[in-house]
Protein backbone atom coordinates (compact mmCIF):
# COMPACT_ATOMS: atom_id res chain seq x y z
CA MET A 1 0.00 0.00 0.00
CA ASP A 2 1.27 3.48 -0.84
CA ILE A 3 1.98 5.73 2.14
CA PRO A 4 0.03 9.00 1.94
CA THR A 5 2.08 12.14 2.24
CA ALA A 6 2.34 12.93 5.95
CA PRO A 7 2.15 16.61 6.91
CA LEU A 8 5.81 16.87 7.90
CA GLY A 9 8.18 19.73 7.18
CA GLN A 10 11.94 19.37 6.91
CA SER A 11 13.45 22.55 8.35
CA PHE A 12 16.32 20.92 10.25
CA ALA A 13 17.12 18.68 7.30
CA ALA A 14 17.28 21.86 5.18
CA LEU A 15 20.45 22.86 7.04
CA PRO A 16 23.81 21.91 5.47
CA ASP A 17 24.74 18.25 5.66
CA ARG A 18 27.37 18.86 8.34
CA PHE A 19 24.51 19.14 10.82
CA TYR A 20 23.21 15.60 10.48
CA ALA A 21 23.45 12.22 8.81
CA PRO A 22 20.57 11.30 6.50
CA VAL A 23 19.57 7.82 7.60
CA ALA A 24 16.32 5.90 7.70
CA PRO A 25 15.13 4.03 10.79
CA THR A 26 15.61 0.28 10.89
CA PRO A 27 12.34 -1.66 10.49
CA VAL A 28 11.09 -3.83 13.35
CA ASP A 29 9.51 -7.26 13.26
CA ALA A 30 6.01 -6.77 14.61
CA PRO A 31 5.05 -3.18 15.53
CA ALA A 32 2.02 -2.77 17.77
CA TRP A 33 0.51 0.19 19.60
CA ILE A 34 1.27 0.68 23.29
CA GLY A 35 0.02 4.23 23.54
CA PHE A 36 -0.88 7.12 21.27
CA ASN A 37 -1.34 10.64 22.64
CA SER A 38 -4.43 11.77 20.77
CA GLU A 39 -4.67 14.99 22.77
CA LEU A 40 -1.13 16.00 21.81
CA ALA A 41 -1.76 15.01 18.21
CA LYS A 42 -4.74 17.37 18.15
CA ILE A 43 -2.60 20.23 19.53
CA LEU A 44 -0.02 19.54 16.85
CA GLY A 45 -2.65 19.59 14.14
CA LEU A 46 -1.97 15.96 13.23
CA ASP A 47 -4.72 13.95 11.61
CA ASN A 48 -5.60 11.18 14.04
CA ASP A 49 -7.44 9.37 11.29
CA PHE A 50 -4.14 9.03 9.45
CA TRP A 51 -1.70 8.46 12.29
CA ARG A 52 -3.81 5.78 14.00
CA THR A 53 -3.90 3.67 10.84
CA ASP A 54 -1.51 0.88 9.92
CA GLU A 55 0.35 3.41 7.76
CA GLY A 56 0.83 5.76 10.71
CA LEU A 57 1.94 2.86 12.87
CA ALA A 58 4.49 1.85 10.24
CA ILE A 59 5.97 5.36 10.11
CA LEU A 60 6.18 5.74 13.88
CA ALA A 61 7.72 2.28 14.25
CA GLY A 62 10.37 3.13 11.67
CA ASN A 63 9.15 0.56 9.15
CA LYS A 64 8.19 3.12 6.51
CA VAL A 65 9.37 6.60 5.58
CA ALA A 66 6.64 9.11 4.84
CA SER A 67 6.81 10.28 1.25
CA GLY A 68 8.59 13.56 0.70
CA THR A 69 10.63 13.30 3.91
CA GLN A 70 14.20 12.40 4.81
CA PRO A 71 14.80 11.20 8.38
CA VAL A 72 18.07 12.44 9.86
CA ALA A 73 20.26 11.78 12.89
CA MET A 74 21.65 14.94 14.49
CA ALA A 75 25.35 15.56 14.98
CA TYR A 76 26.53 16.89 18.32
CA ALA A 77 29.34 16.61 20.83
CA GLY A 78 29.31 17.09 24.59
CA HIS A 79 30.76 16.91 28.05
CA GLN A 80 29.60 13.70 29.71
CA PHE A 81 30.10 13.87 33.48
CA GLY A 82 32.63 16.61 32.78
CA ASN A 83 34.58 14.56 30.24
CA TRP A 84 34.87 15.93 26.72
CA VAL A 85 33.59 13.73 23.88
CA PRO A 86 34.13 15.41 20.48
CA GLN A 87 31.53 13.35 18.63
CA LEU A 88 28.30 11.95 20.01
CA GLY A 89 25.19 12.48 17.90
CA ASP A 90 21.89 10.63 17.71
CA GLY A 91 22.99 7.04 18.08
CA ARG A 92 19.48 5.62 18.22
CA ALA A 93 17.20 8.47 17.22
CA HIS A 94 15.81 9.83 13.96
CA ILE A 95 14.12 13.16 13.34
CA LEU A 96 11.26 12.36 10.98
CA GLY A 97 10.43 15.99 10.25
CA ASP A 98 8.49 18.82 11.83
CA VAL A 99 4.91 19.99 12.18
CA THR A 100 3.42 23.43 12.73
CA ALA A 101 0.98 23.36 15.63
CA LYS A 102 -2.22 25.34 15.80
CA ASN A 103 -0.45 28.03 17.84
CA GLY A 104 2.09 28.52 15.05
CA GLN A 105 4.96 26.86 16.95
CA VAL A 106 7.06 24.37 15.00
CA TYR A 107 7.80 21.01 16.64
CA ASP A 108 10.13 18.21 15.60
CA LEU A 109 8.97 14.59 15.65
CA GLN A 110 11.75 12.23 16.65
CA LEU A 111 11.85 8.46 16.99
CA LYS A 112 13.94 7.05 19.83
CA GLY A 113 15.07 3.45 19.78
CA SER A 114 14.61 3.33 16.01
CA GLY A 115 17.87 1.67 15.03
CA PRO A 116 21.57 2.46 14.58
CA THR A 117 22.93 5.55 12.86
CA PRO A 118 26.44 6.66 11.87
CA PHE A 119 26.71 8.09 15.42
CA SER A 120 25.89 4.84 17.22
CA ARG A 121 29.44 3.99 18.36
CA ASN A 122 28.77 0.25 18.09
CA GLY A 123 25.43 0.47 19.90
CA ASP A 124 22.41 -1.49 18.74
CA GLY A 125 20.30 1.64 18.27
CA ARG A 126 17.38 0.11 20.10
CA ALA A 127 15.43 0.88 23.28
CA ALA A 128 13.95 -1.47 25.83
CA LEU A 129 10.31 -1.20 26.78
CA GLY A 130 10.98 0.06 30.31
CA PRO A 131 12.88 3.27 29.47
CA VAL A 132 10.37 4.08 26.72
CA LEU A 133 7.45 3.81 29.12
CA ARG A 134 9.31 5.81 31.79
CA GLU A 135 9.99 8.66 29.37
CA TYR A 136 6.43 8.59 28.07
CA VAL A 137 4.88 8.81 31.54
CA VAL A 138 7.38 11.20 33.12
CA SER A 139 7.58 13.64 30.21
CA GLU A 140 3.81 13.88 30.00
CA ALA A 141 3.56 14.31 33.77
CA MET A 142 6.20 17.06 33.64
CA HIS A 143 4.11 18.90 31.06
CA GLN A 144 1.06 18.74 33.30
CA LEU A 145 3.20 19.89 36.23
CA GLY A 146 3.97 23.05 34.26
CA VAL A 147 7.58 22.21 33.41
CA PRO A 148 8.81 22.93 29.85
CA THR A 149 9.58 19.53 28.33
CA THR A 150 9.66 17.34 25.29
CA ARG A 151 6.48 15.31 25.09
CA ALA A 152 5.45 11.79 24.11
CA LEU A 153 3.30 11.23 21.05
CA ALA A 154 3.46 7.46 20.78
CA ALA A 155 4.99 4.30 22.21
CA ILE A 156 5.17 1.22 20.02
CA SER A 157 6.32 -2.29 20.84
CA THR A 158 8.65 -3.81 18.27
CA GLY A 159 8.03 -7.52 18.69
CA GLU A 160 11.79 -7.89 19.14
CA ARG A 161 14.10 -8.44 22.10
CA VAL A 162 16.94 -6.11 22.97
CA GLN A 163 19.93 -7.35 24.87
CA ARG A 164 20.95 -5.44 27.97
CA GLU A 165 21.92 -7.30 31.16
CA THR A 166 19.17 -9.68 30.03
CA GLY A 167 16.92 -9.91 27.02
CA LEU A 168 14.11 -7.36 27.23
CA PRO A 169 11.11 -6.47 25.05
CA GLY A 170 11.88 -3.63 22.66
CA ALA A 171 9.95 -0.44 21.96
CA VAL A 172 10.14 2.81 19.99
CA LEU A 173 9.17 6.19 21.43
CA THR A 174 7.95 9.10 19.34
CA ARG A 175 8.81 12.27 21.18
CA VAL A 176 8.00 15.84 20.31
CA GLY A 177 10.20 18.85 21.01
CA SER A 178 10.25 22.43 19.83
CA SER A 179 13.68 21.32 18.61
CA PHE A 180 16.42 18.94 19.67
CA VAL A 181 19.29 21.42 19.36
CA ARG A 182 21.54 21.11 22.39
CA VAL A 183 24.50 22.86 23.95
CA GLY A 184 26.44 19.94 22.50
CA THR A 185 25.29 20.82 18.99
CA PHE A 186 27.13 24.13 19.27
CA GLN A 187 30.10 22.34 20.81
CA TYR A 188 30.33 20.03 17.80
CA PHE A 189 31.03 22.96 15.48
CA MET A 190 33.14 24.97 17.92
CA ALA A 191 35.49 22.01 18.37
CA ARG A 192 36.02 21.89 14.62
CA GLY A 193 36.49 25.61 14.16
CA LEU A 194 33.37 25.81 12.00
CA TYR A 195 32.29 29.32 12.95
CA ASP A 196 29.99 29.83 9.95
CA GLU A 197 28.06 26.76 11.08
CA ILE A 198 27.80 28.18 14.61
CA ARG A 199 26.24 31.29 13.11
CA GLN A 200 23.88 29.19 10.97
CA LEU A 201 22.85 27.15 13.99
CA ALA A 202 22.27 30.29 16.05
CA ASP A 203 20.09 31.70 13.26
CA PHE A 204 18.11 28.45 13.19
CA VAL A 205 17.61 28.64 16.96
CA ILE A 206 16.47 32.26 16.72
CA GLU A 207 14.00 31.45 13.97
CA ARG A 208 12.63 28.41 15.78
CA HIS A 209 12.65 29.55 19.42
CA TYR A 210 13.38 33.27 19.74
CA PRO A 211 11.90 34.98 16.66
CA GLU A 212 11.59 38.27 18.53
CA LEU A 213 15.41 38.52 18.31
CA ALA A 214 15.66 38.21 14.53
CA GLU A 215 15.96 41.93 13.82
CA VAL A 216 17.48 43.26 17.04
CA ASP A 217 21.00 44.65 17.38
CA HIS A 218 23.55 42.25 18.88
CA LYS A 219 21.15 39.40 18.32
CA TYR A 220 23.60 36.64 19.26
CA THR A 221 24.34 38.24 22.61
CA LYS A 222 20.61 38.58 23.17
CA LEU A 223 20.17 34.94 22.15
CA LEU A 224 22.73 33.78 24.70
CA GLU A 225 21.03 35.85 27.38
CA ALA A 226 17.61 34.45 26.45
CA ILE A 227 18.83 30.84 26.59
CA ILE A 228 20.39 31.47 30.00
CA GLU A 229 17.14 32.97 31.29
CA ARG A 230 15.06 30.03 30.09
CA GLN A 231 17.45 27.53 31.62
CA ALA A 232 17.52 29.35 34.96
CA LYS A 233 13.74 29.24 35.14
CA LEU A 234 13.65 25.60 34.00
CA ILE A 235 16.07 24.39 36.67
CA ALA A 236 14.12 26.32 39.30
CA LYS A 237 10.99 24.44 38.27
CA TRP A 238 12.87 21.13 38.61
CA GLN A 239 14.01 22.02 42.10
CA LEU A 240 10.55 23.09 43.19
CA ILE A 241 9.03 19.67 42.44
CA GLY A 242 12.01 17.59 43.56
CA PHE A 243 12.90 16.40 40.06
CA ILE A 244 16.41 15.04 39.52
CA HIS A 245 17.46 14.74 35.89
CA GLY A 246 20.31 12.36 36.60
CA VAL A 247 22.48 13.01 33.55
CA MET A 248 22.91 16.74 32.97
CA ASN A 249 25.56 16.41 30.30
CA THR A 250 25.89 19.28 27.84
CA ASP A 251 24.40 17.08 25.11
CA ASN A 252 21.30 16.73 27.31
CA MET A 253 20.62 20.47 27.66
CA ALA A 254 18.30 21.84 25.00
CA VAL A 255 18.67 25.48 24.00
CA SER A 256 14.88 25.68 23.76
CA GLY A 257 14.67 25.60 27.55
CA GLU A 258 12.81 22.28 27.54
CA THR A 259 13.64 19.26 29.65
CA ILE A 260 15.14 16.63 27.38
CA ASP A 261 16.39 13.04 27.63
CA TYR A 262 14.66 11.23 30.49
CA GLY A 263 17.16 8.51 31.28
CA PRO A 264 17.92 7.82 34.96
CA CYS A 265 15.63 10.64 36.11
CA ALA A 266 13.79 10.41 39.40
CA PHE A 267 11.76 12.37 41.95
CA MET A 268 12.84 12.82 45.57
CA ASP A 269 10.70 11.19 48.19
CA HIS A 270 12.13 12.37 51.52
CA TYR A 271 13.93 15.67 51.20
CA HIS A 272 17.70 15.70 51.21
CA PRO A 273 19.77 18.07 49.05
CA GLU A 274 22.43 15.43 48.32
CA THR A 275 19.93 13.00 46.81
CA VAL A 276 21.19 11.21 43.71
CA PHE A 277 19.71 8.19 41.95
CA SER A 278 21.57 7.64 38.69
CA SER A 279 23.61 4.46 38.75
CA ILE A 280 26.27 6.07 36.55
CA ASP A 281 26.61 9.20 38.71
CA GLU A 282 29.08 7.63 41.13
CA PHE A 283 30.26 10.90 42.68
CA GLY A 284 26.96 12.78 42.80
CA ARG A 285 27.90 15.33 40.14
CA TYR A 286 24.24 15.66 39.17
CA ALA A 287 22.69 15.38 42.65
CA TYR A 288 19.63 17.47 43.42
CA GLN A 289 21.54 20.29 45.10
CA ASN A 290 24.08 20.46 42.26
CA GLN A 291 21.64 20.96 39.40
CA PRO A 292 21.73 24.79 39.40
CA ARG A 293 25.53 24.81 39.53
CA ILE A 294 25.81 22.28 36.72
CA ALA A 295 23.33 24.22 34.59
CA ARG A 296 25.52 27.30 34.95
CA TRP A 297 28.59 25.24 34.04
CA ASN A 298 26.88 23.93 30.93
CA LEU A 299 25.82 27.43 29.95
CA GLY A 300 29.40 28.59 30.40
CA VAL A 301 30.38 26.00 27.81
CA LEU A 302 27.67 27.35 25.50
CA ALA A 303 28.95 30.89 26.01
CA GLN A 304 32.40 29.75 24.90
CA CYS A 305 30.86 28.40 21.71
CA PHE A 306 29.24 31.79 21.10
CA LEU A 307 32.50 33.75 21.35
CA PRO A 308 33.22 33.78 17.58
CA ILE A 309 29.82 35.36 16.85
CA LEU A 310 29.45 37.73 19.82
CA HIS A 311 32.07 40.27 18.78
CA GLU A 312 34.99 40.51 16.37
CA ASN A 313 37.22 41.59 19.25
CA GLU A 314 38.08 38.58 21.41
CA ASP A 315 38.28 40.49 24.70
CA ALA A 316 34.94 42.17 24.01
CA ALA A 317 33.37 38.80 23.17
CA VAL A 318 34.64 37.28 26.40
CA GLN A 319 33.23 40.17 28.41
CA LEU A 320 29.83 39.87 26.75
CA ALA A 321 29.78 36.14 27.44
CA GLN A 322 30.83 36.61 31.06
CA ASP A 323 28.23 39.28 31.65
CA ALA A 324 25.55 36.96 30.30
CA ILE A 325 26.66 34.02 32.45
CA ASN A 326 26.77 36.21 35.55
CA GLU A 327 23.02 36.70 35.21
CA PHE A 328 22.27 33.00 35.71
CA ALA A 329 22.53 32.98 39.51
CA PRO A 330 20.22 35.96 40.18
CA LEU A 331 17.73 34.71 37.59
CA TYR A 332 17.70 31.25 39.14
CA ASP A 333 17.55 32.53 42.71
CA THR A 334 14.60 34.77 41.93
CA ALA A 335 12.68 32.04 40.14
CA PHE A 336 13.35 29.43 42.82
CA GLN A 337 12.69 31.68 45.81
CA GLN A 338 9.53 33.11 44.27
CA GLY A 339 8.27 29.58 43.61
CA LEU A 340 9.26 28.43 47.10
CA CYS A 341 7.27 31.25 48.67
CA ALA A 342 4.26 30.30 46.56
CA LYS A 343 4.54 26.72 47.82
CA ILE A 344 3.87 27.97 51.37
CA GLY A 345 1.24 30.49 50.23
CA LEU A 346 3.28 33.66 50.67
CA THR A 347 4.34 36.51 48.44
CA PHE A 348 7.98 36.86 47.45
CA THR A 349 9.78 38.91 50.10
CA LYS A 350 13.10 38.50 51.88
CA ASP A 351 11.43 37.61 55.19
CA ASN A 352 9.11 35.08 53.54
CA VAL A 353 12.03 33.44 51.73
CA ALA A 354 13.67 32.91 55.11
CA VAL A 355 10.49 31.23 56.41
CA ALA A 356 10.40 28.97 53.35
CA PHE A 357 14.03 27.92 53.72
CA GLU A 358 13.38 27.05 57.38
CA PHE A 359 10.66 24.69 56.15
CA LEU A 360 13.20 22.94 53.93
CA ASP A 361 15.61 22.64 56.86
CA LEU A 362 12.90 20.93 58.92
CA LEU A 363 12.07 18.55 56.08
CA LYS A 364 15.71 17.51 55.96
CA GLU A 365 16.08 17.26 59.73
CA HIS A 366 13.01 15.03 60.12
CA ASN A 367 13.57 13.05 56.89
CA LEU A 368 10.10 13.92 55.58
CA ASP A 369 8.47 13.54 52.20
CA PHE A 370 9.07 16.59 50.00
CA THR A 371 5.87 16.47 47.95
CA ASN A 372 3.44 15.40 50.67
CA LEU A 373 4.62 17.83 53.35
CA PHE A 374 4.28 20.86 51.10
CA ARG A 375 0.85 19.67 50.03
CA ALA A 376 -0.12 19.05 53.66
CA LEU A 377 0.26 22.75 54.37
CA VAL A 378 -2.81 23.36 52.23
CA ALA A 379 -4.85 20.99 54.35
CA LEU A 380 -3.38 22.32 57.60
CA ASP A 381 -4.49 25.82 56.71
CA SER A 382 -7.95 24.80 55.56
CA ALA A 383 -11.08 24.35 57.65
CA GLU A 384 -12.43 22.03 54.97
CA ILE A 385 -9.81 19.30 55.18
CA GLU A 386 -8.49 17.45 58.19
CA VAL A 387 -4.79 16.73 58.31
CA ASN A 388 -2.73 14.29 60.31
CA ALA A 389 -1.15 16.67 62.81
CA GLN A 390 1.61 14.12 63.47
CA GLN A 391 3.18 15.22 60.19
CA PHE A 392 4.14 18.46 61.88
CA GLU A 393 5.11 17.18 65.32
CA GLY A 394 8.66 17.23 66.58
CA ALA A 395 11.38 19.70 67.41
CA GLY A 396 11.12 22.96 65.55
CA TRP A 397 7.69 22.55 63.97
CA ARG A 398 5.73 24.55 66.55
CA ASP A 399 8.07 27.51 66.20
CA TRP A 400 7.97 27.31 62.42
CA LEU A 401 4.19 27.07 62.25
CA GLY A 402 3.98 30.19 64.43
CA LYS A 403 6.28 32.10 62.05
CA TRP A 404 4.30 30.85 59.08
CA ALA A 405 0.98 31.95 60.61
CA ALA A 406 2.44 35.36 61.47
CA ALA A 407 3.71 35.76 57.90
CA HIS A 408 0.23 34.98 56.57
CA ASP A 409 -1.27 37.55 58.92
CA ASN A 410 0.90 40.17 57.23
CA GLU A 411 -0.43 39.25 53.77
CA ASP A 412 -3.28 41.02 52.01
CA ALA A 413 -4.41 37.86 50.21
CA SER A 414 -7.57 36.12 51.33
CA LEU A 415 -7.54 32.60 52.73
CA ALA A 416 -9.07 31.32 49.50
CA ASP A 417 -6.36 33.00 47.43
CA ARG A 418 -3.63 31.50 49.62
CA HIS A 419 -5.13 28.05 49.28
CA GLU A 420 -5.29 28.41 45.51
CA MET A 421 -1.68 29.57 45.39
CA MET A 422 -0.52 26.53 47.36
CA ARG A 423 -2.67 24.05 45.48
CA THR A 424 -1.33 25.20 42.14
CA ALA A 425 2.27 25.21 43.40
CA ASN A 426 2.22 21.84 45.19
CA PRO A 427 1.27 18.73 43.22
CA ARG A 428 -0.64 15.93 44.89
CA PHE A 429 0.73 13.36 42.46
CA ILE A 430 4.22 12.92 41.03
CA PRO A 431 5.73 9.97 39.11
CA ARG A 432 7.21 8.32 42.16
CA ASN A 433 10.13 6.05 41.47
CA HIS A 434 8.65 2.93 43.01
CA LEU A 435 5.53 3.37 40.89
CA MET A 436 7.66 3.71 37.77
CA GLU A 437 9.53 0.53 38.64
CA ARG A 438 6.31 -1.35 39.30
CA MET A 439 4.86 -0.13 36.01
CA ILE A 440 7.96 -1.26 34.11
CA GLU A 441 8.02 -4.66 35.79
CA GLU A 442 4.35 -5.29 35.05
CA ALA A 443 4.67 -4.05 31.45
CA THR A 444 7.69 -6.26 30.86
CA ASN A 445 5.50 -9.17 31.93
CA GLY A 446 2.80 -8.12 29.48
CA ASP A 447 0.48 -6.03 31.68
CA LEU A 448 0.16 -2.40 30.54
CA SER A 449 -2.77 -1.46 32.78
CA LEU A 450 -0.66 0.51 35.28
CA PHE A 451 1.00 2.41 32.43
CA HIS A 452 -2.38 3.61 31.21
CA GLN A 453 -3.66 4.27 34.74
CA LEU A 454 -0.67 6.43 35.66
CA ASN A 455 -1.02 8.43 32.45
CA ASP A 456 -4.61 9.20 33.44
CA ILE A 457 -3.66 10.15 37.02
CA TYR A 458 -0.86 12.48 35.95
CA LYS A 459 -3.12 14.42 33.64
CA ARG A 460 -4.41 16.13 36.83
CA PRO A 461 -1.43 16.16 39.22
CA PHE A 462 -2.72 19.09 41.31
CA ASP A 463 -6.19 17.62 41.91
CA ASP A 464 -6.90 15.51 45.00
CA GLN A 465 -8.35 12.49 43.09
CA PRO A 466 -9.32 10.63 46.32
CA GLU A 467 -9.88 7.39 44.40
CA TYR A 468 -6.12 7.33 43.75
CA GLU A 469 -4.99 8.33 47.25
CA SER A 470 -2.70 5.28 47.49
CA PHE A 471 -0.60 6.69 44.64
CA THR A 472 0.43 9.65 46.82
CA ALA A 473 2.13 7.48 49.44
CA PRO A 474 5.92 7.45 49.64
CA PRO A 475 7.53 4.04 49.21
CA THR A 476 7.79 1.55 52.00
CA THR A 477 11.29 0.44 52.97
CA GLU A 478 10.94 -2.54 50.64
CA GLU A 479 9.70 -0.37 47.75
CA ARG A 480 12.42 2.29 47.89
CA VAL A 481 14.32 2.81 44.65
CA LEU A 482 17.94 3.70 45.37
CA ARG A 483 19.30 3.55 41.82
CA THR A 484 17.87 4.36 38.42
CA PHE A 485 19.37 3.32 35.10
CA CYS A 486 19.86 5.00 31.76
CA GLY A 487 18.50 2.22 29.60
CA THR A 488 20.93 2.60 26.70
C-alpha cells in the first residue's frame, strides 16, 4: 500500500549536511501500539485518522518513511560527566520531520530506539520497553506539572528483544520537542572551528525559538542571554518539584529551555539536598543540590561556543559572554525563591524566603516527604480538610508554624487565594520512582494497565483524586528505589 504524504516539514534537514546524517530508521519485526497521545496530536494539528492507521503505525515504528521526507540523525558533541567527547550524535534516534501546531509553533517529531545511525558507536540503536514507558509517563507528567519539556506522542512495541543485562522487550518512542538542538550541537562545530556553522545554527535557533530577536541589534548576545534565562527558570521548576534529571551532560541540555532526555531521572521522596539516583553518577555530580551549579557550568560551555559570533574583538566577546553568564545565579535565585514562597502560600519577600528555607531545613532534619509535606500545608491551613497533625510534630515545627501563621497575617491575600496559590504550586501526584519501577516490571510481563492508569492520574497532578490516594504514598522500605538506570 502506498503511504500517503504525511504533513511533515523538513526545516532541520534543510540545514547543510554537516549538521546531520541522512539515515532511515531500521524496520522492526512486529510493531504494535502501546500508547498514542491523541490529545497532543490534536494540539499539533496531526490527523488522528491518518496516524492511528496501519500506515501511521508503520511510520512511527520506523518501518516506513513518509513520502517527501528524509529522516536524519543529528550531529553533536558534549561533556559527559565533565569529560569531553568530540563526537556523540543521535545514536538511536531519527528526526522524521516537523509539524506546525495550531499556535504557530514548529515542533520536531523524533523516533527514539529506532535503530543504529552513523553516530551509534557500536550500539544497537534500540530501546527497551521500560525506558520508553518511563519517558512517556514522566515527560507527559512534567508537562502537566507546568515544566517545559519534550512530550510523548506514541509508544510502540517492536516484537523484538533487545539485549541489555538480560533480554528485554523492545519499543520505539515518538517524542516531540520544539527542537532537539543542544548545547552539545554548538560544541560540535566549535570544536572543529566551523564558525559559519555556529552562526547558521544560532540563526536556526532564533528562527525556531526566539523569533523576537531576529531583527534586534547584537542578536547573538541577546540569544545567549535568552537561553540562560530560560534555563535558569527551568532548573528552578525542577528544584521546586524535587525532580532530579540524573544526567545533565551538555548534550542533554536543549537550548529551547525544555527538559530533554529522560534517562535515569527520578523524583525525591524524603527531602535531602544530596539525593542522587543515577547508577552512573558515582560521585553525585548531578545530585539534586548540584543541578543549578551544573546548569551554569553547561551554559558557560555554551557561552564559549558563542565567542566567535558575539564580537569581532576577542576580549569584548569574552566580556559579553561573562556578563551573560553572571546573570544565571540571580535569575535562578529569583525564580526558585519566588516559587518556594508560593509553595507555602506567601508573596515573594526576603522575610518570607527565610520562612520557606526554614521549612526545607525541617524537612531535611526530620527526613520527611518533599511532595506530601508541602501539600499538607494546604490541608493544615484549611477548615475544609483534616490533616494528620503528626506530620508536623517534633522539634522545631511549633516555632515554624507560628512564624508561618504570622507571615500569613501580614499578607493582604484572602484565605481562598492563599489556598489556591498553594494548590497550584504543590502537586498531589508525582511519578514516584517505586511506581515507575512497578509499572515497568508489570509491562515487561505483558500487563500495561498501570502504564495507562498512571497516564490518566498524571493528567491532573494538582487535583486531590481521592480514588487514587494510594498513589500519593511514599515508598515503603521494601519499595524504595535507590538507583535508576539510563536504559541505553
